[in-house]
Protein backbone atom coordinates (compact mmCIF):
# COMPACT_ATOMS: atom_id res chain seq x y z
CA MET A 1 -109.89 1.84 146.49
CA LYS A 2 -109.36 4.54 143.91
CA ILE A 3 -112.21 5.85 141.79
CA LYS A 4 -111.79 7.31 138.32
CA GLU A 5 -114.62 9.13 136.59
CA THR A 6 -115.49 8.37 132.98
CA PRO A 7 -117.00 10.69 130.34
CA ILE A 8 -120.44 9.25 131.23
CA PRO A 9 -121.83 10.77 134.46
CA GLY A 10 -122.11 8.20 137.25
CA LEU A 11 -120.14 5.50 135.42
CA LEU A 12 -117.03 4.88 137.52
CA VAL A 13 -113.85 2.82 137.20
CA ILE A 14 -112.73 1.39 140.53
CA GLU A 15 -109.13 0.36 141.11
CA PRO A 16 -108.56 -1.66 144.26
CA VAL A 17 -105.48 -1.29 146.43
CA VAL A 18 -103.57 -4.55 145.95
CA PHE A 19 -101.12 -5.97 148.49
CA GLU A 20 -98.61 -8.33 146.87
CA ASP A 21 -95.75 -10.37 148.24
CA THR A 22 -94.07 -13.71 147.55
CA ARG A 23 -97.21 -15.60 148.60
CA GLY A 24 -99.44 -13.86 146.08
CA TYR A 25 -101.83 -10.94 146.50
CA PHE A 26 -104.78 -9.66 148.51
CA PHE A 27 -107.33 -6.93 147.85
CA GLU A 28 -110.81 -5.94 148.94
CA SER A 29 -113.08 -6.45 145.97
CA TYR A 30 -116.11 -5.05 147.78
CA ASN A 31 -116.56 -2.90 150.85
CA LYS A 32 -119.96 -1.23 151.19
CA ARG A 33 -118.67 1.44 153.59
CA SER A 34 -115.69 2.37 151.38
CA LEU A 35 -117.92 2.67 148.32
CA ALA A 36 -120.49 4.74 150.25
CA ASN A 37 -117.68 7.08 151.35
CA MET A 38 -116.91 7.56 147.65
CA GLY A 39 -120.54 8.33 146.80
CA ILE A 40 -121.66 4.87 145.63
CA GLU A 41 -124.87 4.06 147.48
CA ALA A 42 -125.98 0.66 146.18
CA ASP A 43 -127.55 -2.13 148.19
CA PHE A 44 -126.48 -5.18 146.22
CA VAL A 45 -128.92 -8.10 146.43
CA GLN A 46 -127.81 -10.52 143.71
CA ASP A 47 -124.47 -11.84 142.39
CA ASN A 48 -124.12 -13.25 138.86
CA GLN A 49 -121.25 -15.04 137.17
CA SER A 50 -120.68 -16.19 133.60
CA ARG A 51 -117.95 -18.04 131.74
CA SER A 52 -117.41 -17.43 128.03
CA GLU A 53 -114.94 -18.27 125.29
CA TYR A 54 -112.92 -15.92 123.09
CA GLY A 55 -115.06 -13.93 120.67
CA VAL A 56 -118.30 -14.12 122.66
CA ILE A 57 -120.23 -10.84 122.80
CA ARG A 58 -122.93 -10.62 125.49
CA GLY A 59 -125.38 -7.74 125.58
CA LEU A 60 -126.27 -4.98 125.44
CA HIS A 61 -128.71 -5.69 128.31
CA TYR A 62 -130.72 -3.67 130.83
CA GLN A 63 -133.97 -3.74 132.79
CA LEU A 64 -136.61 -1.02 132.50
CA ALA A 65 -137.32 1.29 135.44
CA PRO A 66 -138.44 0.85 138.14
CA TYR A 67 -136.43 -2.40 137.99
CA GLY A 68 -133.22 -0.94 136.58
CA GLN A 69 -130.07 -2.43 138.05
CA ALA A 70 -126.90 -0.72 139.20
CA LYS A 71 -124.01 -3.16 138.78
CA LEU A 72 -120.49 -3.61 140.07
CA VAL A 73 -118.64 -5.73 137.51
CA ARG A 74 -115.22 -7.40 137.40
CA VAL A 75 -113.35 -10.23 135.71
CA LEU A 76 -112.14 -13.17 137.79
CA GLU A 77 -110.30 -14.94 134.95
CA GLY A 78 -109.16 -13.67 131.55
CA SER A 79 -110.11 -10.33 130.01
CA VAL A 80 -113.08 -8.60 128.41
CA TRP A 81 -113.84 -5.37 126.61
CA ASP A 82 -116.70 -3.99 128.70
CA VAL A 83 -119.17 -1.59 127.05
CA ILE A 84 -121.83 0.67 128.50
CA VAL A 85 -124.42 2.79 126.66
CA ASP A 86 -126.13 5.68 128.44
CA LEU A 87 -129.94 5.31 128.13
CA ARG A 88 -130.93 8.18 130.43
CA LYS A 89 -132.96 10.76 128.52
CA GLY A 90 -131.67 14.25 129.31
CA SER A 91 -128.14 13.03 130.05
CA PRO A 92 -125.36 14.96 128.31
CA THR A 93 -124.08 11.57 127.12
CA TYR A 94 -127.43 10.02 126.13
CA GLY A 95 -126.77 7.40 123.44
CA HIS A 96 -123.00 7.51 123.95
CA SER A 97 -120.99 4.39 124.66
CA PHE A 98 -117.93 3.83 126.81
CA GLY A 99 -115.58 0.86 126.58
CA ILE A 100 -112.76 -0.32 128.81
CA GLU A 101 -110.69 -3.46 129.21
CA ILE A 102 -111.22 -5.14 132.55
CA SER A 103 -109.24 -8.22 133.33
CA GLN A 104 -107.84 -10.60 135.88
CA ALA A 105 -104.50 -8.80 135.43
CA ASN A 106 -105.60 -5.17 135.85
CA ARG A 107 -108.22 -6.02 138.53
CA LEU A 108 -110.33 -3.00 137.54
CA GLN A 109 -114.01 -2.90 138.40
CA LEU A 110 -116.75 -0.83 136.87
CA PHE A 111 -119.68 0.68 138.74
CA ILE A 112 -122.57 0.97 136.30
CA PRO A 113 -125.48 3.10 137.52
CA LYS A 114 -129.10 2.41 136.64
CA GLY A 115 -130.09 3.56 133.19
CA MET A 116 -127.25 1.98 131.25
CA ALA A 117 -127.18 -0.88 128.74
CA HIS A 118 -124.27 -3.22 129.41
CA GLY A 119 -122.36 -5.80 127.43
CA PHE A 120 -118.90 -7.23 126.90
CA ALA A 121 -116.70 -9.09 124.43
CA VAL A 122 -114.29 -11.78 125.59
CA THR A 123 -110.75 -10.94 124.47
CA SER A 124 -108.88 -13.80 126.17
CA GLN A 125 -109.11 -17.54 125.50
CA GLN A 126 -111.87 -17.62 128.10
CA ALA A 127 -113.19 -15.28 130.76
CA VAL A 128 -115.09 -15.57 134.00
CA PHE A 129 -117.18 -12.45 134.53
CA PHE A 130 -118.69 -11.55 137.91
CA TYR A 131 -121.14 -8.82 138.86
CA LYS A 132 -123.24 -7.61 141.73
CA CYS A 133 -126.74 -6.14 141.10
CA ASP A 134 -128.78 -3.87 143.32
CA ASP A 135 -132.12 -5.30 142.15
CA TYR A 136 -133.29 -8.78 141.25
CA TYR A 137 -133.58 -10.10 137.71
CA ARG A 138 -137.09 -9.53 136.40
CA PRO A 139 -137.79 -11.15 133.03
CA GLU A 140 -140.77 -8.88 132.36
CA ALA A 141 -138.49 -5.80 132.58
CA GLU A 142 -135.60 -7.27 130.56
CA ARG A 143 -134.66 -5.33 127.43
CA GLY A 144 -131.65 -4.91 125.20
CA ILE A 145 -130.01 -3.23 122.25
CA HIS A 146 -128.27 -5.00 119.38
CA CYS A 147 -124.54 -5.02 120.15
CA LEU A 148 -123.61 -4.40 116.51
CA ASP A 149 -125.81 -1.32 116.02
CA PRO A 150 -123.66 0.79 113.65
CA ASN A 151 -125.05 4.06 115.04
CA LEU A 152 -123.50 3.33 118.46
CA LYS A 153 -120.03 3.14 116.85
CA ILE A 154 -118.79 0.55 119.35
CA GLU A 155 -115.33 -0.66 118.40
CA TRP A 156 -115.40 -4.27 119.54
CA PRO A 157 -111.85 -5.70 119.69
CA VAL A 158 -112.96 -9.05 118.24
CA ASN A 159 -113.93 -9.94 114.69
CA THR A 160 -117.66 -9.17 114.74
CA ASP A 161 -118.24 -11.29 111.61
CA LYS A 162 -117.14 -14.34 113.62
CA ALA A 163 -118.36 -13.22 117.06
CA LEU A 164 -120.39 -15.70 119.10
CA ILE A 165 -123.66 -13.91 119.84
CA SER A 166 -126.73 -15.65 121.23
CA ASN A 167 -129.81 -15.89 119.02
CA LYS A 168 -131.68 -13.86 121.64
CA ASP A 169 -129.10 -11.04 121.46
CA ARG A 170 -129.08 -11.13 117.64
CA MET A 171 -132.83 -10.36 117.74
CA LEU A 172 -132.46 -7.24 119.92
CA PRO A 173 -133.55 -3.92 118.38
CA LEU A 174 -131.28 -1.07 117.35
CA PHE A 175 -130.82 1.80 119.82
CA SER A 176 -133.26 4.00 117.87
CA GLU A 177 -136.00 1.35 118.27
CA ALA A 178 -135.24 0.17 121.81
CA GLU A 179 -137.72 0.67 124.63
CA THR A 180 -136.22 2.80 127.40
CA ASN A 181 -137.73 4.79 130.24
CA PHE A 182 -134.77 6.22 132.17
CA ILE A 183 -134.49 9.92 133.04
CA PHE A 184 -131.18 11.60 133.91
CA ARG A 185 -131.22 13.22 137.34
């Protein structure tokens, strides 16, 4: 596995080593020891998977500390524009967003540390999105930020006027009004 740093501290792009031949391909999508050797110390306890159609925007979601979740995300089918917003007060990139295409074709994964809001837009006809979490889902700690907050300046690659956004996500507050309690260390 190769790791590439992003402008946001701790947010990492992971590119697996892929072995291809006439039969198809093989790669390790997760190896705890390999990730630990690269500085990623997460004990994943829950896997989640979603399927969405073109134009769906999910997020931006997070859980408050002490129930924040580090995530390892990837796309099993199709493609998405994945977006992360740094919520860690004191971080040099506090309030900044980062976006990257992850897809079935490029096989990239993203390691998202605790203290980040996360969301994605489906850019293919449909997408199957898969992620590992290092803490369990806790509804009482669930929070979010409106994905179309103009102050975040997220450039979604889908028509946001026609985007499919859940009613719950449409009711999320703007970044300036969102409840957060993460500290950059």
